[in-house]
């Protein structure tokens, strides 16, 4: 079964943001969707951030599966897996913390959010905590980590899909882009650098170029911010996992580690 595709959206399907049960205050109505016409959902920063987490999990899953299939880990493989997972773990924890500390308080005055999301996020964080311990102790082989990673990945994909099918749609119904922009900037500023690099990398050149145009980000922002973060993420995360998947030690490593 392809876990990435099987759980790429919520099982319940998207909610109807016009349903009055989600309205928290009579003064604020779900009439802002037309303001987002130039910012389609697939280029929303929320969606791009989720796609980055999905991409990371797919890379990690592939590397773990390949390493487990070969048996014992080489020292360089162990280090590469630990380094890559540490970046992913920090990214996911920051995503949940940003949601709880910044995004939910921002949305709450106008929107009644789905309480099921809290239970979904809690389940994912429990799985992540277990993986942190297992990856930290990783030495002999990757089989046990792989067994724990797959249910974590399933839960995370379910959570991301559910959030996109509810909170994201509600935000775009109850808030204008101008109202949301300061929150997006705040979240970007306090996210790990690898999270931004990951978002750029997994968006791809064409989509991120369209996103830059959409958000009026000029060449200065690209060359002095986004490009460097993308390249750093590609080197520290993507290339490490590609090497593990291929079973070929990177040229920058020795037999004792990277």
C-alpha atoms as a PDB file:
ATOM      1  CA  UNK A   1       0.000   0.000   0.000  1.00  0.00           C
ATOM      2  CA  UNK A   2       1.239   3.486  -0.849  1.00  0.00           C
ATOM      3  CA  UNK A   3       0.883   5.233   2.504  1.00  0.00           C
ATOM      4  CA  UNK A   4       1.581   8.644   1.036  1.00  0.00           C
ATOM      5  CA  UNK A   5      -1.291   8.413  -1.428  1.00  0.00           C
ATOM      6  CA  UNK A   6      -3.664   6.408   0.756  1.00  0.00           C
ATOM      7  CA  UNK A   7      -3.883   9.100   3.425  1.00  0.00           C
ATOM      8  CA  UNK A   8      -3.243  12.235   1.408  1.00  0.00           C
ATOM      9  CA  UNK A   9      -6.578  13.764   2.430  1.00  0.00           C
ATOM     10  CA  UNK A  10      -9.045  13.464   5.246  1.00  0.00           C
ATOM     11  CA  UNK A  11     -11.445  10.524   5.146  1.00  0.00           C
ATOM     12  CA  UNK A  12     -14.434  12.715   5.995  1.00  0.00           C
ATOM     13  CA  UNK A  13     -13.933  15.036   3.039  1.00  0.00           C
ATOM     14  CA  UNK A  14     -13.935  18.852   3.150  1.00  0.00           C
ATOM     15  CA  UNK A  15     -16.440  20.701   5.292  1.00  0.00           C
ATOM     16  CA  UNK A  16     -18.791  23.408   4.028  1.00  0.00           C
ATOM     17  CA  UNK A  17     -17.326  26.684   5.344  1.00  0.00           C
ATOM     18  CA  UNK A  18     -20.693  28.383   4.832  1.00  0.00           C
ATOM     19  CA  UNK A  19     -22.346  26.160   7.442  1.00  0.00           C
ATOM     20  CA  UNK A  20     -23.407  28.517  10.281  1.00  0.00           C
ATOM     21  CA  UNK A  21     -22.290  26.013  12.932  1.00  0.00           C
ATOM     22  CA  UNK A  22     -18.719  27.201  12.364  1.00  0.00           C
ATOM     23  CA  UNK A  23     -19.511  30.890  12.921  1.00  0.00           C
ATOM     24  CA  UNK A  24     -18.257  32.131  16.283  1.00  0.00           C
ATOM     25  CA  UNK A  25     -19.468  35.741  16.074  1.00  0.00           C
ATOM     26  CA  UNK A  26     -22.444  37.226  14.225  1.00  0.00           C
ATOM     27  CA  UNK A  27     -20.325  40.240  13.279  1.00  0.00           C
ATOM     28  CA  UNK A  28     -18.014  38.097  11.141  1.00  0.00           C
ATOM     29  CA  UNK A  29     -19.590  36.178   8.276  1.00  0.00           C
ATOM     30  CA  UNK A  30     -18.044  33.615   5.880  1.00  0.00           C
ATOM     31  CA  UNK A  31     -18.095  35.985   2.931  1.00  0.00           C
ATOM     32  CA  UNK A  32     -14.393  36.466   2.165  1.00  0.00           C
ATOM     33  CA  UNK A  33     -13.714  33.615  -0.282  1.00  0.00           C
ATOM     34  CA  UNK A  34     -13.816  35.858  -3.348  1.00  0.00           C
ATOM     35  CA  UNK A  35     -10.888  37.850  -1.934  1.00  0.00           C
ATOM     36  CA  UNK A  36      -8.706  34.748  -2.379  1.00  0.00           C
ATOM     37  CA  UNK A  37      -9.280  34.306  -6.127  1.00  0.00           C
ATOM     38  CA  UNK A  38      -5.695  35.279  -6.948  1.00  0.00           C
ATOM     39  CA  UNK A  39      -4.383  32.958  -4.245  1.00  0.00           C
ATOM     40  CA  UNK A  40      -5.708  29.448  -5.069  1.00  0.00           C
ATOM     41  CA  UNK A  41      -5.682  26.801  -2.349  1.00  0.00           C
ATOM     42  CA  UNK A  42      -2.829  24.860  -3.938  1.00  0.00           C
ATOM     43  CA  UNK A  43      -0.618  27.975  -3.637  1.00  0.00           C
ATOM     44  CA  UNK A  44      -1.722  28.893  -0.121  1.00  0.00           C
ATOM     45  CA  UNK A  45       1.259  28.967   2.234  1.00  0.00           C
ATOM     46  CA  UNK A  46      -0.661  26.602   4.531  1.00  0.00           C
ATOM     47  CA  UNK A  47      -0.944  24.017   1.734  1.00  0.00           C
ATOM     48  CA  UNK A  48       2.687  24.459   0.701  1.00  0.00           C
ATOM     49  CA  UNK A  49       3.778  23.949   4.302  1.00  0.00           C
ATOM     50  CA  UNK A  50       1.746  20.745   4.523  1.00  0.00           C
ATOM     51  CA  UNK A  51       3.153  19.486   1.237  1.00  0.00           C
ATOM     52  CA  UNK A  52       6.642  20.008   2.619  1.00  0.00           C
ATOM     53  CA  UNK A  53       5.872  17.773   5.608  1.00  0.00           C
ATOM     54  CA  UNK A  54       4.352  15.198   3.272  1.00  0.00           C
ATOM     55  CA  UNK A  55       7.456  15.311   1.109  1.00  0.00           C
ATOM     56  CA  UNK A  56       9.762  14.859   4.076  1.00  0.00           C
ATOM     57  CA  UNK A  57       7.803  11.861   5.308  1.00  0.00           C
ATOM     58  CA  UNK A  58       7.889  10.247   1.875  1.00  0.00           C
ATOM     59  CA  UNK A  59      11.690  10.697   1.680  1.00  0.00           C
ATOM     60  CA  UNK A  60      12.166   9.335   5.201  1.00  0.00           C
ATOM     61  CA  UNK A  61       9.881   6.384   4.558  1.00  0.00           C
ATOM     62  CA  UNK A  62      11.757   5.462   1.383  1.00  0.00           C
ATOM     63  CA  UNK A  63      15.157   5.698   3.069  1.00  0.00           C
ATOM     64  CA  UNK A  64      14.062   3.699   6.119  1.00  0.00           C
ATOM     65  CA  UNK A  65      12.488   1.023   3.956  1.00  0.00           C
ATOM     66  CA  UNK A  66      15.613   0.707   1.802  1.00  0.00           C
ATOM     67  CA  UNK A  67      17.916   0.615   4.825  1.00  0.00           C
ATOM     68  CA  UNK A  68      15.773  -1.962   6.636  1.00  0.00           C
ATOM     69  CA  UNK A  69      15.793  -4.144   3.547  1.00  0.00           C
ATOM     70  CA  UNK A  70      19.584  -4.219   3.475  1.00  0.00           C
ATOM     71  CA  UNK A  71      19.913  -5.291   7.116  1.00  0.00           C
ATOM     72  CA  UNK A  72      22.616  -3.697   9.278  1.00  0.00           C
ATOM     73  CA  UNK A  73      23.309   0.022   9.111  1.00  0.00           C
ATOM     74  CA  UNK A  74      26.672   1.523   8.266  1.00  0.00           C
ATOM     75  CA  UNK A  75      27.813   4.342  10.597  1.00  0.00           C
ATOM     76  CA  UNK A  76      27.298   6.951   7.890  1.00  0.00           C
ATOM     77  CA  UNK A  77      23.741   5.697   7.284  1.00  0.00           C
ATOM     78  CA  UNK A  78      22.917   5.920  10.969  1.00  0.00           C
ATOM     79  CA  UNK A  79      24.155   9.505  11.135  1.00  0.00           C
ATOM     80  CA  UNK A  80      22.389  10.501   7.931  1.00  0.00           C
ATOM     81  CA  UNK A  81      19.070   9.101   9.200  1.00  0.00           C
ATOM     82  CA  UNK A  82      19.457  10.728  12.602  1.00  0.00           C
ATOM     83  CA  UNK A  83      20.350  14.119  11.124  1.00  0.00           C
ATOM     84  CA  UNK A  84      17.476  14.046   8.631  1.00  0.00           C
ATOM     85  CA  UNK A  85      14.923  12.907  11.191  1.00  0.00           C
ATOM     86  CA  UNK A  86      16.031  15.597  13.652  1.00  0.00           C
ATOM     87  CA  UNK A  87      15.203  18.252  11.045  1.00  0.00           C
ATOM     88  CA  UNK A  88      11.828  16.659  10.298  1.00  0.00           C
ATOM     89  CA  UNK A  89      10.961  16.347  13.980  1.00  0.00           C
ATOM     90  CA  UNK A  90      11.824  19.997  14.631  1.00  0.00           C
ATOM     91  CA  UNK A  91       9.735  21.030  11.624  1.00  0.00           C
ATOM     92  CA  UNK A  92       6.659  19.066  12.731  1.00  0.00           C
ATOM     93  CA  UNK A  93       6.897  20.215  16.354  1.00  0.00           C
ATOM     94  CA  UNK A  94       7.165  23.820  15.210  1.00  0.00           C
ATOM     95  CA  UNK A  95       4.136  23.315  12.949  1.00  0.00           C
ATOM     96  CA  UNK A  96       2.003  22.092  15.848  1.00  0.00           C
ATOM     97  CA  UNK A  97       3.317  24.747  18.237  1.00  0.00           C
ATOM     98  CA  UNK A  98       2.618  27.499  15.715  1.00  0.00           C
ATOM     99  CA  UNK A  99      -0.884  26.172  15.250  1.00  0.00           C
ATOM    100  CA  UNK A 100      -1.637  26.120  18.976  1.00  0.00           C
ATOM    101  CA  UNK A 101       0.129  29.338  19.999  1.00  0.00           C
ATOM    102  CA  UNK A 102      -0.457  31.608  16.998  1.00  0.00           C
ATOM    103  CA  UNK A 103      -2.950  30.329  14.438  1.00  0.00           C
ATOM    104  CA  UNK A 104      -5.747  29.001  16.661  1.00  0.00           C
ATOM    105  CA  UNK A 105      -5.901  32.173  18.829  1.00  0.00           C
ATOM    106  CA  UNK A 106      -6.017  34.221  15.611  1.00  0.00           C
ATOM    107  CA  UNK A 107      -8.886  32.190  14.117  1.00  0.00           C
ATOM    108  CA  UNK A 108     -10.911  31.575  17.295  1.00  0.00           C
ATOM    109  CA  UNK A 109     -12.753  34.944  17.527  1.00  0.00           C
ATOM    110  CA  UNK A 110     -14.495  34.258  14.206  1.00  0.00           C
ATOM    111  CA  UNK A 111     -14.415  30.465  13.776  1.00  0.00           C
ATOM    112  CA  UNK A 112     -15.463  27.417  15.764  1.00  0.00           C
ATOM    113  CA  UNK A 113     -12.712  24.971  14.831  1.00  0.00           C
ATOM    114  CA  UNK A 114     -13.262  21.226  14.572  1.00  0.00           C
ATOM    115  CA  UNK A 115     -12.353  19.727  17.996  1.00  0.00           C
ATOM    116  CA  UNK A 116     -11.364  16.445  16.298  1.00  0.00           C
ATOM    117  CA  UNK A 117      -8.214  18.146  15.029  1.00  0.00           C
ATOM    118  CA  UNK A 118      -6.817  18.381  18.551  1.00  0.00           C
ATOM    119  CA  UNK A 119      -7.145  14.633  19.089  1.00  0.00           C
ATOM    120  CA  UNK A 120      -5.556  13.951  15.698  1.00  0.00           C
ATOM    121  CA  UNK A 121      -2.605  16.238  16.432  1.00  0.00           C
ATOM    122  CA  UNK A 122      -2.160  14.726  19.889  1.00  0.00           C
ATOM    123  CA  UNK A 123      -1.977  11.238  18.402  1.00  0.00           C
ATOM    124  CA  UNK A 124       0.634  12.339  15.864  1.00  0.00           C
ATOM    125  CA  UNK A 125       2.759  13.993  18.553  1.00  0.00           C
ATOM    126  CA  UNK A 126       2.681  10.825  20.659  1.00  0.00           C
ATOM    127  CA  UNK A 127       3.949   8.817  17.695  1.00  0.00           C
ATOM    128  CA  UNK A 128       6.611  11.447  17.008  1.00  0.00           C
ATOM    129  CA  UNK A 129       7.842  11.308  20.619  1.00  0.00           C
ATOM    130  CA  UNK A 130       8.261   7.533  20.329  1.00  0.00           C
ATOM    131  CA  UNK A 131      10.189   7.970  17.085  1.00  0.00           C
ATOM    132  CA  UNK A 132      12.453  10.594  18.647  1.00  0.00           C
ATOM    133  CA  UNK A 133      13.521   8.005  21.218  1.00  0.00           C
ATOM    134  CA  UNK A 134      13.947   5.200  18.701  1.00  0.00           C
ATOM    135  CA  UNK A 135      15.900   7.264  16.194  1.00  0.00           C
ATOM    136  CA  UNK A 136      18.074   8.663  18.982  1.00  0.00           C
ATOM    137  CA  UNK A 137      19.017   5.102  19.946  1.00  0.00           C
ATOM    138  CA  UNK A 138      19.341   3.881  16.341  1.00  0.00           C
ATOM    139  CA  UNK A 139      22.399   1.700  15.726  1.00  0.00           C
ATOM    140  CA  UNK A 140      21.959  -1.855  14.416  1.00  0.00           C
ATOM    141  CA  UNK A 141      19.194  -1.670  11.803  1.00  0.00           C
ATOM    142  CA  UNK A 142      16.247   0.480  10.791  1.00  0.00           C
ATOM    143  CA  UNK A 143      13.489  -2.130  10.969  1.00  0.00           C
ATOM    144  CA  UNK A 144      11.964  -1.084  14.310  1.00  0.00           C
ATOM    145  CA  UNK A 145      12.060   2.595  13.371  1.00  0.00           C
ATOM    146  CA  UNK A 146      10.314   1.762  10.089  1.00  0.00           C
ATOM    147  CA  UNK A 147       7.580  -0.133  11.970  1.00  0.00           C
ATOM    148  CA  UNK A 148       6.922   2.939  14.141  1.00  0.00           C
ATOM    149  CA  UNK A 149       7.284   5.417  11.298  1.00  0.00           C
ATOM    150  CA  UNK A 150       4.504   3.985   9.128  1.00  0.00           C
ATOM    151  CA  UNK A 151       1.630   4.493  11.625  1.00  0.00           C
ATOM    152  CA  UNK A 152       3.051   7.933  12.460  1.00  0.00           C
ATOM    153  CA  UNK A 153       3.029   8.793   8.772  1.00  0.00           C
ATOM    154  CA  UNK A 154      -0.529   7.540   8.398  1.00  0.00           C
ATOM    155  CA  UNK A 155      -1.715   9.642  11.351  1.00  0.00           C
ATOM    156  CA  UNK A 156       0.114  12.736  10.128  1.00  0.00           C
ATOM    157  CA  UNK A 157      -1.311  12.475   6.616  1.00  0.00           C
ATOM    158  CA  UNK A 158      -4.786  12.098   8.094  1.00  0.00           C
ATOM    159  CA  UNK A 159      -4.243  15.181  10.271  1.00  0.00           C
ATOM    160  CA  UNK A 160      -2.870  17.308   7.420  1.00  0.00           C
ATOM    161  CA  UNK A 161      -5.772  16.359   5.167  1.00  0.00           C
ATOM    162  CA  UNK A 162      -8.308  17.079   7.895  1.00  0.00           C
ATOM    163  CA  UNK A 163      -6.781  20.490   8.573  1.00  0.00           C
ATOM    164  CA  UNK A 164      -6.859  21.396   4.887  1.00  0.00           C
ATOM    165  CA  UNK A 165     -10.454  20.205   4.619  1.00  0.00           C
ATOM    166  CA  UNK A 166     -11.639  22.316   7.549  1.00  0.00           C
ATOM    167  CA  UNK A 167      -9.451  25.002   9.160  1.00  0.00           C
ATOM    168  CA  UNK A 168      -7.861  26.172   5.912  1.00  0.00           C
ATOM    169  CA  UNK A 169     -11.220  26.519   4.147  1.00  0.00           C
ATOM    170  CA  UNK A 170     -12.721  28.316   7.141  1.00  0.00           C
ATOM    171  CA  UNK A 171      -9.824  30.769   7.310  1.00  0.00           C
ATOM    172  CA  UNK A 172     -10.313  31.641   3.655  1.00  0.00           C
ATOM    173  CA  UNK A 173     -14.048  32.160   4.249  1.00  0.00           C
ATOM    174  CA  UNK A 174     -13.792  34.319   7.372  1.00  0.00           C
ATOM    175  CA  UNK A 175     -10.579  36.305   6.738  1.00  0.00           C
ATOM    176  CA  UNK A 176      -9.122  38.268   3.833  1.00  0.00           C
ATOM    177  CA  UNK A 177      -5.543  37.726   2.610  1.00  0.00           C
ATOM    178  CA  UNK A 178      -4.537  41.111   4.038  1.00  0.00           C
ATOM    179  CA  UNK A 179      -5.775  40.072   7.465  1.00  0.00           C
ATOM    180  CA  UNK A 180      -3.908  36.771   7.315  1.00  0.00           C
ATOM    181  CA  UNK A 181      -0.605  38.097   5.929  1.00  0.00           C
ATOM    182  CA  UNK A 182       0.846  39.307   9.283  1.00  0.00           C
ATOM    183  CA  UNK A 183       0.181  35.865  10.765  1.00  0.00           C
ATOM    184  CA  UNK A 184       1.877  34.138   7.818  1.00  0.00           C
ATOM    185  CA  UNK A 185       4.910  36.378   8.263  1.00  0.00           C
ATOM    186  CA  UNK A 186       5.023  35.700  11.999  1.00  0.00           C
ATOM    187  CA  UNK A 187       4.827  31.937  11.486  1.00  0.00           C
ATOM    188  CA  UNK A 188       7.594  32.042   8.864  1.00  0.00           C
ATOM    189  CA  UNK A 189       9.824  34.126  11.114  1.00  0.00           C
ATOM    190  CA  UNK A 190       9.626  31.684  14.027  1.00  0.00           C
ATOM    191  CA  UNK A 191       9.789  28.450  12.023  1.00  0.00           C
ATOM    192  CA  UNK A 192      13.058  26.484  11.725  1.00  0.00           C
ATOM    193  CA  UNK A 193      15.112  27.484   8.686  1.00  0.00           C
ATOM    194  CA  UNK A 194      14.800  23.978   7.276  1.00  0.00           C
ATOM    195  CA  UNK A 195      10.998  24.329   7.292  1.00  0.00           C
ATOM    196  CA  UNK A 196      11.193  27.223   4.813  1.00  0.00           C
ATOM    197  CA  UNK A 197      13.776  25.422   2.702  1.00  0.00           C
ATOM    198  CA  UNK A 198      11.582  22.341   2.710  1.00  0.00           C
ATOM    199  CA  UNK A 199       8.543  24.328   1.586  1.00  0.00           C
ATOM    200  CA  UNK A 200      10.472  25.845  -1.331  1.00  0.00           C
ATOM    201  CA  UNK A 201      12.029  22.522  -2.337  1.00  0.00           C
ATOM    202  CA  UNK A 202       8.819  20.483  -2.342  1.00  0.00           C
ATOM    203  CA  UNK A 203       6.780  23.226  -3.996  1.00  0.00           C
ATOM    204  CA  UNK A 204       9.084  22.997  -7.007  1.00  0.00           C
ATOM    205  CA  UNK A 205      10.451  25.840  -9.091  1.00  0.00           C
ATOM    206  CA  UNK A 206       7.301  26.582 -11.100  1.00  0.00           C
ATOM    207  CA  UNK A 207       4.855  26.605  -8.201  1.00  0.00           C
ATOM    208  CA  UNK A 208       7.152  28.584  -5.929  1.00  0.00           C
ATOM    209  CA  UNK A 209       7.818  31.111  -8.696  1.00  0.00           C
ATOM    210  CA  UNK A 210       4.046  31.566  -9.001  1.00  0.00           C
ATOM    211  CA  UNK A 211       3.818  31.857  -5.209  1.00  0.00           C
ATOM    212  CA  UNK A 212       6.496  34.575  -5.205  1.00  0.00           C
ATOM    213  CA  UNK A 213       4.622  36.548  -7.861  1.00  0.00           C
ATOM    214  CA  UNK A 214       1.365  36.071  -5.938  1.00  0.00           C
ATOM    215  CA  UNK A 215       2.937  37.367  -2.707  1.00  0.00           C
ATOM    216  CA  UNK A 216       4.965  40.151  -4.404  1.00  0.00           C
ATOM    217  CA  UNK A 217       8.292  38.572  -3.408  1.00  0.00           C
ATOM    218  CA  UNK A 218      11.040  39.987  -5.607  1.00  0.00           C
ATOM    219  CA  UNK A 219      14.409  38.637  -6.732  1.00  0.00           C
ATOM    220  CA  UNK A 220      16.082  40.076  -3.649  1.00  0.00           C
ATOM    221  CA  UNK A 221      13.984  37.859  -1.387  1.00  0.00           C
ATOM    222  CA  UNK A 222      14.736  34.842  -3.579  1.00  0.00           C
ATOM    223  CA  UNK A 223      18.518  35.217  -3.758  1.00  0.00           C
ATOM    224  CA  UNK A 224      19.067  36.410  -0.197  1.00  0.00           C
ATOM    225  CA  UNK A 225      16.575  34.168   1.580  1.00  0.00           C
ATOM    226  CA  UNK A 226      14.590  31.421  -0.113  1.00  0.00           C
ATOM    227  CA  UNK A 227      17.235  30.066  -2.505  1.00  0.00           C
ATOM    228  CA  UNK A 228      19.824  29.632   0.251  1.00  0.00           C
ATOM    229  CA  UNK A 229      17.356  27.931   2.581  1.00  0.00           C
ATOM    230  CA  UNK A 230      16.235  25.578  -0.196  1.00  0.00           C
ATOM    231  CA  UNK A 231      19.820  24.659  -1.091  1.00  0.00           C
ATOM    232  CA  UNK A 232      20.739  24.105   2.551  1.00  0.00           C
ATOM    233  CA  UNK A 233      17.710  21.847   3.069  1.00  0.00           C
ATOM    234  CA  UNK A 234      18.480  19.884  -0.084  1.00  0.00           C
ATOM    235  CA  UNK A 235      22.025  19.228   1.101  1.00  0.00           C
ATOM    236  CA  UNK A 236      21.281  18.387   4.731  1.00  0.00           C
ATOM    237  CA  UNK A 237      18.029  16.451   4.276  1.00  0.00           C
ATOM    238  CA  UNK A 238      17.291  15.364   0.721  1.00  0.00           C
ATOM    239  CA  UNK A 239      20.772  14.330  -0.387  1.00  0.00           C
ATOM    240  CA  UNK A 240      21.422  12.445   2.848  1.00  0.00           C
ATOM    241  CA  UNK A 241      18.249  10.406   2.423  1.00  0.00           C
ATOM    242  CA  UNK A 242      18.841   9.845  -1.280  1.00  0.00           C
ATOM    243  CA  UNK A 243      22.232   8.361  -0.352  1.00  0.00           C
ATOM    244  CA  UNK A 244      20.669   6.074   2.262  1.00  0.00           C
ATOM    245  CA  UNK A 245      17.983   4.967  -0.206  1.00  0.00           C
ATOM    246  CA  UNK A 246      20.652   4.142  -2.787  1.00  0.00           C
ATOM    247  CA  UNK A 247      22.983   2.560  -0.210  1.00  0.00           C
ATOM    248  CA  UNK A 248      25.825   4.704  -1.507  1.00  0.00           C
ATOM    249  CA  UNK A 249      27.903   6.760   0.918  1.00  0.00           C
ATOM    250  CA  UNK A 250      28.045  10.483  -0.012  1.00  0.00           C
ATOM    251  CA  UNK A 251      31.437  11.727  -1.148  1.00  0.00           C
ATOM    252  CA  UNK A 252      31.505  14.110   1.840  1.00  0.00           C
ATOM    253  CA  UNK A 253      31.414  11.151   4.276  1.00  0.00           C
ATOM    254  CA  UNK A 254      33.928   8.624   5.536  1.00  0.00           C
ATOM    255  CA  UNK A 255      33.265   5.075   6.700  1.00  0.00           C
ATOM    256  CA  UNK A 256      32.925   6.446  10.258  1.00  0.00           C
ATOM    257  CA  UNK A 257      30.184   8.960   9.470  1.00  0.00           C
ATOM    258  CA  UNK A 258      29.468  12.237   7.706  1.00  0.00           C
END
